[in-house]
Protein backbone atom coordinates (compact mmCIF):
# COMPACT_ATOMS: atom_id res chain seq x y z
CA MET A 1 78.24 -8.69 123.55
CA GLN A 2 77.22 -8.77 127.04
CA GLY A 3 78.84 -11.67 128.99
CA SER A 4 81.98 -11.37 126.90
CA LYS A 5 85.17 -10.63 128.79
CA ILE A 6 85.59 -6.94 129.67
CA ASP A 7 89.12 -5.45 129.72
CA ILE A 8 89.76 -2.29 131.57
CA ARG A 9 92.91 -0.17 130.64
CA PRO A 10 94.42 2.50 132.81
CA LEU A 11 95.56 5.50 130.71
CA SER A 12 98.82 6.96 130.31
CA ASP A 13 99.42 10.60 131.15
CA LYS A 14 102.84 10.92 129.66
CA GLY A 15 104.20 12.06 126.22
CA LYS A 16 102.84 10.89 123.05
CA ALA A 17 101.02 7.80 124.68
CA GLY A 18 99.37 10.33 127.16
CA LYS A 19 98.25 12.58 124.33
CA ARG A 20 96.67 9.59 122.28
CA ASP A 21 94.93 8.10 125.36
CA ARG A 22 93.51 11.41 126.24
CA ALA A 23 92.17 11.79 122.88
CA ALA A 24 90.48 8.21 122.99
CA PHE A 25 88.96 9.06 126.30
CA VAL A 26 87.56 12.36 125.09
CA ASP A 27 86.21 10.88 121.87
CA LEU A 28 84.75 7.90 123.49
CA GLY A 29 82.65 10.23 125.84
CA ARG A 30 81.56 12.34 122.72
CA ALA A 31 80.26 9.20 121.03
CA PHE A 32 78.44 8.32 124.10
CA SER A 33 76.91 11.86 124.34
CA ARG A 34 75.59 11.70 120.75
CA ARG A 35 73.32 8.87 121.90
CA VAL A 36 71.45 10.96 124.41
CA PRO A 37 68.48 12.92 123.40
CA ASN A 38 68.90 16.67 123.95
CA SER A 39 72.62 16.30 124.58
CA VAL A 40 74.72 19.33 123.05
CA PRO A 41 78.29 18.64 121.72
CA GLN A 42 81.15 20.72 123.20
CA LEU A 43 84.29 21.83 121.68
CA ARG A 44 86.68 19.06 121.54
CA SER A 45 89.60 21.10 122.36
CA GLU A 46 88.21 22.22 125.51
CA GLU A 47 87.26 18.69 126.75
CA LEU A 48 90.77 17.68 125.88
CA GLU A 49 92.06 20.55 128.09
CA LEU A 50 90.17 19.41 131.05
CA VAL A 51 91.86 16.17 131.04
CA ASP A 52 95.43 17.29 130.36
CA PRO A 53 97.58 17.76 133.40
CA ALA A 54 99.72 20.46 131.55
CA LYS A 55 96.65 22.67 130.92
CA ASN A 56 94.12 22.19 133.76
CA PRO A 57 95.36 23.57 136.93
CA PHE A 58 93.14 21.17 139.01
CA PHE A 59 95.89 18.67 138.39
CA GLU A 60 98.14 20.76 140.60
CA HIS A 61 96.28 19.63 143.62
CA ALA A 62 94.84 16.16 142.33
CA THR A 63 95.73 12.83 141.53
CA VAL A 64 93.92 11.38 138.64
CA GLN A 65 93.71 8.08 136.79
CA LEU A 66 91.56 7.84 133.74
CA PHE A 67 90.17 4.20 132.55
CA ILE A 68 88.64 2.94 129.26
CA ALA A 69 86.60 -0.38 129.20
CA ALA A 70 86.88 -2.70 126.10
CA ARG A 71 84.62 -5.75 125.06
CA ASP A 72 86.15 -7.86 122.34
CA GLY A 73 88.54 -5.07 121.41
CA GLN A 74 85.73 -2.34 121.20
CA PRO A 75 85.53 0.47 123.65
CA VAL A 76 82.21 0.19 125.70
CA GLY A 77 82.90 2.50 128.61
CA ARG A 78 85.03 5.07 130.51
CA ILE A 79 85.48 6.63 134.17
CA SER A 80 87.93 8.61 136.01
CA ALA A 81 89.05 7.86 139.54
CA HIS A 82 90.60 10.90 141.26
CA ILE A 83 91.60 12.43 144.63
CA ASP A 84 91.33 16.30 145.04
CA HIS A 85 93.92 16.83 147.96
CA LEU A 86 92.34 20.15 148.71
CA ALA A 87 88.99 18.23 149.30
CA LEU A 88 90.77 16.03 151.89
CA GLU A 89 91.50 18.98 154.04
CA ILE A 90 87.65 20.10 154.07
CA SER A 91 85.45 19.24 157.23
CA PRO A 92 83.54 16.02 156.81
CA GLU A 93 80.39 17.93 157.82
CA GLN A 94 80.86 19.73 154.59
CA GLY A 95 80.81 16.53 152.53
CA MET A 96 84.29 15.97 151.89
CA GLY A 97 87.29 15.47 154.26
CA PRO A 98 89.89 12.66 154.87
CA GLY A 99 89.56 9.58 152.98
CA THR A 100 87.27 10.98 150.31
CA GLY A 101 87.79 10.02 146.63
CA MET A 102 85.91 10.54 143.75
CA PHE A 103 84.76 9.13 140.26
CA GLY A 104 83.61 11.02 137.21
CA TYR A 105 83.54 10.78 133.48
CA PHE A 106 81.08 8.05 133.87
CA ASP A 107 79.75 6.33 130.63
CA ALA A 108 78.85 2.68 130.05
CA GLU A 109 77.45 0.58 127.21
CA ASP A 110 75.55 -1.51 129.69
CA GLU A 111 75.13 -2.37 133.45
CA GLU A 112 77.61 -5.08 133.43
CA VAL A 113 80.34 -2.48 131.93
CA ALA A 114 79.20 0.07 134.53
CA ARG A 115 79.77 -2.36 137.35
CA ALA A 116 83.31 -3.32 136.08
CA LEU A 117 84.08 0.43 135.96
CA LEU A 118 82.91 1.27 139.27
CA ASN A 119 84.76 -1.58 140.77
CA THR A 120 88.11 -0.63 139.02
CA ALA A 121 87.58 3.04 140.18
CA GLU A 122 87.09 1.95 143.63
CA ALA A 123 89.95 -0.41 143.76
CA TRP A 124 92.19 2.38 142.60
CA LEU A 125 90.73 4.80 145.17
CA ARG A 126 91.35 1.95 148.04
CA GLN A 127 94.85 1.61 146.76
CA GLN A 128 95.28 5.45 147.29
CA GLY A 129 94.20 5.12 150.89
CA MET A 130 90.68 6.41 150.44
CA THR A 131 87.72 5.02 152.49
CA ARG A 132 84.73 6.44 150.45
CA ALA A 133 83.86 7.41 146.90
CA LEU A 134 81.71 10.53 145.74
CA GLY A 135 80.44 10.96 142.16
CA PRO A 136 80.05 11.36 139.67
CA ILE A 137 82.19 14.54 139.86
CA THR A 138 83.75 15.62 136.60
CA MET A 139 86.42 16.25 137.80
CA SER A 140 86.53 19.33 140.03
CA ILE A 141 83.32 20.19 141.90
CA TRP A 142 83.42 23.62 140.11
CA GLU A 143 83.24 21.86 136.60
CA GLU A 144 80.28 19.10 136.24
CA PRO A 145 79.17 17.77 139.57
CA GLY A 146 76.45 15.26 139.64
CA LEU A 147 74.37 13.03 137.64
CA LEU A 148 71.48 14.36 135.82
CA VAL A 149 68.28 12.51 137.11
CA LYS A 150 65.46 14.97 136.29
CA GLY A 151 65.48 17.21 133.30
CA GLN A 152 66.59 14.99 130.23
CA ASP A 153 63.58 16.21 128.29
CA HIS A 154 65.51 19.49 127.14
CA PRO A 155 69.10 20.64 126.37
CA PRO A 156 71.36 21.56 129.23
CA MET A 157 72.65 25.03 129.48
CA VAL A 158 76.31 25.98 129.16
CA MET A 159 78.73 24.09 131.60
CA MET A 160 75.93 21.76 132.76
CA GLY A 161 76.26 17.91 132.50
CA HIS A 162 73.64 15.87 130.60
CA HIS A 163 73.16 12.10 131.15
CA PRO A 164 70.84 9.15 130.26
CA ALA A 165 68.21 8.41 132.99
CA HIS A 166 69.41 4.58 133.34
CA TYR A 167 72.80 5.59 134.70
CA ARG A 168 71.24 6.29 138.17
CA GLU A 169 69.89 2.74 138.51
CA TRP A 170 73.41 1.36 137.43
CA ILE A 171 75.26 3.26 140.09
CA GLU A 172 72.48 2.64 142.86
CA ASN A 173 72.82 -0.98 142.02
CA ALA A 174 76.42 -0.98 142.52
CA GLY A 175 75.96 0.17 146.18
CA TYR A 176 75.69 4.00 145.82
CA VAL A 177 73.27 5.96 147.89
CA PRO A 178 72.48 9.83 147.19
CA ALA A 179 74.51 12.31 149.28
CA LYS A 180 73.58 15.69 147.86
CA LYS A 181 70.91 16.90 145.52
CA LEU A 182 71.82 19.99 143.20
CA VAL A 183 69.16 21.66 141.19
CA THR A 184 68.57 24.49 138.49
CA TYR A 185 65.87 27.01 138.42
CA ASP A 186 63.96 28.01 135.16
CA LEU A 187 62.76 31.53 134.78
CA ASP A 188 60.81 33.60 132.21
CA VAL A 189 62.71 36.94 132.29
CA ARG A 190 60.33 39.06 130.10
CA GLY A 191 58.15 40.15 132.74
CA GLY A 192 58.96 42.05 135.99
CA PHE A 193 58.83 40.51 139.28
CA SER A 194 56.25 40.82 142.06
CA PRO A 195 55.38 44.24 143.76
CA LEU A 196 57.39 43.09 146.71
CA ILE A 197 60.57 42.38 145.12
CA GLN A 198 60.16 45.68 142.97
CA ARG A 199 59.72 47.42 146.40
CA ILE A 200 63.05 45.75 147.77
CA VAL A 201 64.92 46.81 144.59
CA ARG A 202 63.65 50.44 144.65
CA SER A 203 64.60 50.52 148.31
CA GLY A 204 68.09 49.53 147.72
CA SER A 205 68.58 51.81 144.81
CA LYS A 206 67.66 54.80 147.01
CA ASN A 207 70.33 53.68 149.57
CA ASP A 208 73.37 55.79 149.27
CA ARG A 209 75.49 53.09 150.84
CA ILE A 210 74.85 50.60 148.00
CA SER A 211 76.16 50.44 144.46
CA VAL A 212 75.35 47.81 142.02
CA ARG A 213 77.66 48.14 138.87
CA PRO A 214 78.57 46.18 135.87
CA VAL A 215 81.97 44.36 135.62
CA ASP A 216 84.60 46.68 134.45
CA LEU A 217 86.10 44.72 131.43
CA ALA A 218 88.96 47.26 131.24
CA HIS A 219 90.10 45.88 134.55
CA TYR A 220 89.10 42.19 133.90
CA ASP A 221 91.77 40.48 135.74
CA GLU A 222 91.24 42.51 138.87
CA GLU A 223 87.58 42.01 138.67
CA ILE A 224 87.66 38.36 138.36
CA ALA A 225 90.09 38.22 141.22
CA THR A 226 87.54 40.30 143.26
CA ILE A 227 84.71 38.04 142.24
CA LEU A 228 86.38 34.69 143.06
CA ALA A 229 87.55 36.09 146.35
CA ILE A 230 84.08 36.82 147.26
CA LEU A 231 83.21 33.26 145.95
CA ASN A 232 85.74 31.74 148.28
CA ASP A 233 84.52 33.52 151.32
CA ALA A 234 80.67 33.26 150.49
CA TRP A 235 80.77 29.51 149.77
CA SER A 236 83.12 28.42 152.39
CA THR A 237 80.91 26.72 154.57
CA ASN A 238 78.73 25.14 151.86
CA TRP A 239 78.54 21.41 151.29
CA GLY A 240 81.21 20.17 148.91
CA PHE A 241 83.08 23.48 148.93
CA VAL A 242 86.76 23.42 147.69
CA PRO A 243 88.53 26.96 147.39
CA PHE A 244 89.73 28.05 144.05
CA THR A 245 93.56 28.33 143.94
CA PRO A 246 95.33 31.34 142.34
CA ALA A 247 96.18 29.16 139.25
CA GLU A 248 92.51 28.21 138.73
CA VAL A 249 91.48 31.73 139.24
CA ALA A 250 93.63 32.85 136.30
CA HIS A 251 92.78 29.94 134.34
CA ALA A 252 89.15 30.47 134.81
CA GLY A 253 89.38 34.22 133.97
CA LYS A 254 90.99 33.33 130.66
CA LYS A 255 88.43 30.51 129.72
CA LEU A 256 85.43 32.63 130.55
CA LYS A 257 86.42 36.14 129.03
CA PRO A 258 84.75 35.39 125.74
CA ILE A 259 81.44 34.91 127.05
CA ILE A 260 81.65 37.67 129.87
CA LYS A 261 79.35 40.38 128.75
CA ALA A 262 79.86 43.54 131.15
CA PRO A 263 75.88 44.53 131.50
CA LEU A 264 75.15 40.95 132.31
CA ASN A 265 77.55 40.61 135.32
CA ARG A 266 77.44 42.56 138.47
CA ILE A 267 79.38 43.55 141.49
CA ALA A 268 77.45 45.17 144.54
CA GLU A 269 79.40 47.39 146.76
CA VAL A 270 78.39 48.38 150.30
CA ASP A 271 80.46 51.70 151.60
CA GLY A 272 82.62 51.20 148.54
CA LYS A 273 83.63 47.79 149.45
CA PRO A 274 82.76 44.76 146.93
CA VAL A 275 80.51 42.37 148.85
CA ALA A 276 78.54 40.37 146.45
CA PHE A 277 78.47 39.34 142.68
CA MET A 278 76.36 37.74 140.26
CA LEU A 279 77.66 36.11 136.99
CA THR A 280 75.50 35.48 133.85
CA PHE A 281 76.82 33.55 130.77
CA PRO A 282 74.87 33.49 127.47
CA ASP A 283 73.86 30.06 126.72
CA VAL A 284 76.71 29.22 124.32
CA ASN A 285 75.17 25.64 123.79
CA ASP A 286 72.73 27.20 121.53
CA ILE A 287 75.27 27.81 118.90
CA MET A 288 77.18 24.64 119.72
CA GLY A 289 74.31 22.66 118.78
CA ARG A 290 74.07 24.33 115.53
CA ILE A 291 77.81 23.84 114.66
CA ASP A 292 77.91 20.34 116.17
CA GLY A 293 80.59 21.51 118.59
CA LYS A 294 83.05 21.72 115.52
CA LEU A 295 85.12 24.86 114.89
CA PHE A 296 85.99 23.61 111.31
CA PRO A 297 85.57 24.25 108.66
CA THR A 298 82.99 27.08 109.25
CA GLY A 299 81.99 26.59 113.02
CA TRP A 300 84.52 29.13 114.05
CA PHE A 301 82.99 31.91 112.00
CA HIS A 302 79.49 31.32 113.45
CA LEU A 303 80.72 31.08 116.96
CA LEU A 304 82.53 34.34 116.86
CA ARG A 305 79.64 35.97 115.28
CA TRP A 306 77.28 34.67 117.79
CA LEU A 307 79.80 35.53 120.76
CA ARG A 308 79.69 39.13 119.49
CA LYS A 309 75.78 39.41 119.85
CA PRO A 310 74.15 36.31 121.21
CA MET A 311 70.65 37.53 120.23
CA GLY A 312 67.89 35.38 121.65
CA ALA A 313 70.21 33.34 123.70
CA GLY A 314 69.09 32.03 127.22
CA MET A 315 71.01 33.21 130.05
CA ARG A 316 72.58 31.01 132.85
CA VAL A 317 73.43 32.41 136.48
CA PRO A 318 76.11 29.78 137.43
CA LEU A 319 77.49 31.63 140.22
CA MET A 320 76.41 34.24 142.95
CA GLY A 321 77.68 35.20 146.16
CA VAL A 322 77.56 37.46 149.28
CA LEU A 323 80.38 37.84 151.86
CA ARG A 324 79.52 35.74 154.96
CA GLU A 325 79.49 38.86 157.13
CA LEU A 326 76.15 39.66 155.51
CA HIS A 327 74.58 36.24 155.53
CA ASN A 328 71.12 35.95 156.99
CA SER A 329 70.73 39.73 156.56
CA ARG A 330 67.96 41.60 154.90
CA MET A 331 70.74 43.41 152.82
CA ALA A 332 72.09 40.15 151.33
CA SER A 333 68.72 39.28 149.67
CA GLN A 334 68.32 42.91 148.72
CA LEU A 335 71.62 42.99 146.92
CA ALA A 336 70.59 39.56 145.12
CA PHE A 337 67.46 40.95 144.12
CA MET A 338 68.94 44.33 142.80
CA MET A 339 71.55 42.19 140.67
CA ILE A 340 68.95 39.88 139.30
CA GLU A 341 66.72 42.67 138.16
CA ASP A 342 69.52 44.77 136.62
CA ILE A 343 70.61 41.67 134.77
CA ARG A 344 67.19 40.70 133.77
CA GLN A 345 66.44 44.13 132.18
CA GLU A 346 69.93 44.06 130.39
CA ALA A 347 69.39 40.76 128.99
CA VAL A 348 65.85 41.51 127.62
CA ARG A 349 67.06 44.84 126.22
CA LEU A 350 70.30 43.91 124.68
CA TYR A 351 69.80 40.31 123.60
CA GLY A 352 65.88 39.76 123.66
CA THR A 353 66.32 37.06 126.11
CA THR A 354 63.19 35.25 127.20
CA ARG A 355 64.59 32.68 129.60
CA GLY A 356 67.12 32.38 132.27
CA GLU A 357 68.46 29.60 134.39
CA LEU A 358 69.78 29.90 138.07
CA GLY A 359 72.21 27.22 139.26
CA TRP A 360 73.23 24.87 140.31
CA VAL A 361 71.95 25.31 143.83
CA LEU A 362 72.29 22.85 146.72
CA ASP A 363 68.63 21.86 147.34
CA ASP A 364 69.11 22.68 151.10
CA ASN A 365 70.64 26.02 150.56
CA GLN A 366 67.65 27.98 152.40
CA GLY A 367 68.92 31.31 151.26
CA MET A 368 69.12 30.57 147.41
CA VAL A 369 65.99 28.35 147.44
CA ALA A 370 64.21 31.36 149.10
CA ILE A 371 65.52 33.82 146.52
CA ALA A 372 64.48 31.36 143.62
CA ASP A 373 61.07 31.05 145.12
CA ALA A 374 60.54 34.76 145.51
CA ILE A 375 61.19 35.49 141.78
CA ASP A 376 58.67 32.70 140.80
CA SER A 377 61.39 30.43 139.18
CA LYS A 378 60.89 26.64 138.86
CA ILE A 379 63.07 23.64 139.37
CA ASN A 380 63.89 22.10 135.70
CA ARG A 381 66.80 20.00 136.28
CA GLU A 382 68.01 17.89 139.09
CA TYR A 383 71.41 16.26 139.76
CA LEU A 384 72.70 13.61 142.40
CA ILE A 385 75.92 13.15 143.64
CA PHE A 386 76.21 9.59 145.21
CA ASP A 387 78.29 8.24 148.14
CA LYS A 388 79.79 4.63 148.84
CA THR A 389 81.87 3.51 151.75
CA LEU A 390 85.01 1.61 150.39
């Protein structure tokens, strides 16, 4: 009951004790998630992998401590405190920089537990020499950044967080202030775009310098490396940017391969040089909800069948980018519209898709906001990353 002593235990990351602690940490988060309307259970094995130093290459450049809170012997909350050492090298103008620690995996039974967990994470970050805390970021900026503050009324798409609305009040009451807003855009993909967008796309298709092609799955590793090289360049001046390492490139490629459909993922070339890309994933949360995130006894069969032909699935565009040399040019937006239109047509034709989601997008990214507005998409989810001086 509230008011009883709260004990917060740092978890081990070594041997059998570490394995047991990681399982307890993940299972506690899954229990919290089941309480939140419209949440979608994820594969437990994948959640375990994300917090395993031996399996997630994020740990190669991060220091991480996981905590579980208990009251009267019962688990009532969890949190991570972590330092991404690559983020410490980023310019402070981009939101990170020296002294920046983070918290994530935030779940709490009530505000008393929330305050105790945040205090514990902050104390650990101070001990590591950090002077500010950003969060929630679970755990890499490329995984699930931000707290959902708008959009709890519908399920999240693949690789997007989902949180109860009251967490915002608890975090702000602990002295945190919003540092950055991330948004996603919802789009009906059944119809075509405006005449202006259609003219821009037709003009690009007649330009002999431009080629927009599907990802070549026969050369998957090389294509993923090309895409992430463009990403590291295109996003390098964005708020919160931390570059992908070679190990993370390889890990991401392996993890994403089952949901990569060649016609839904495009690389744009100018004069034969790859300069832009757009990734689109079928919303695997559709099937995850139906199998309750469990592979056994029969979930694996339904998941494999769905992956082969995800009919009716919504589509999420989690990442797109254009090389910086083309930023603020007409060609950059033209390439984006060409890729969007190609993918829209293929999603409708092959899978009967009716809905797409673009994001996350920094709400002050003027180029991406302009593209989202031009295709008549609407903001459907908002996330906040909070900041506090330690």
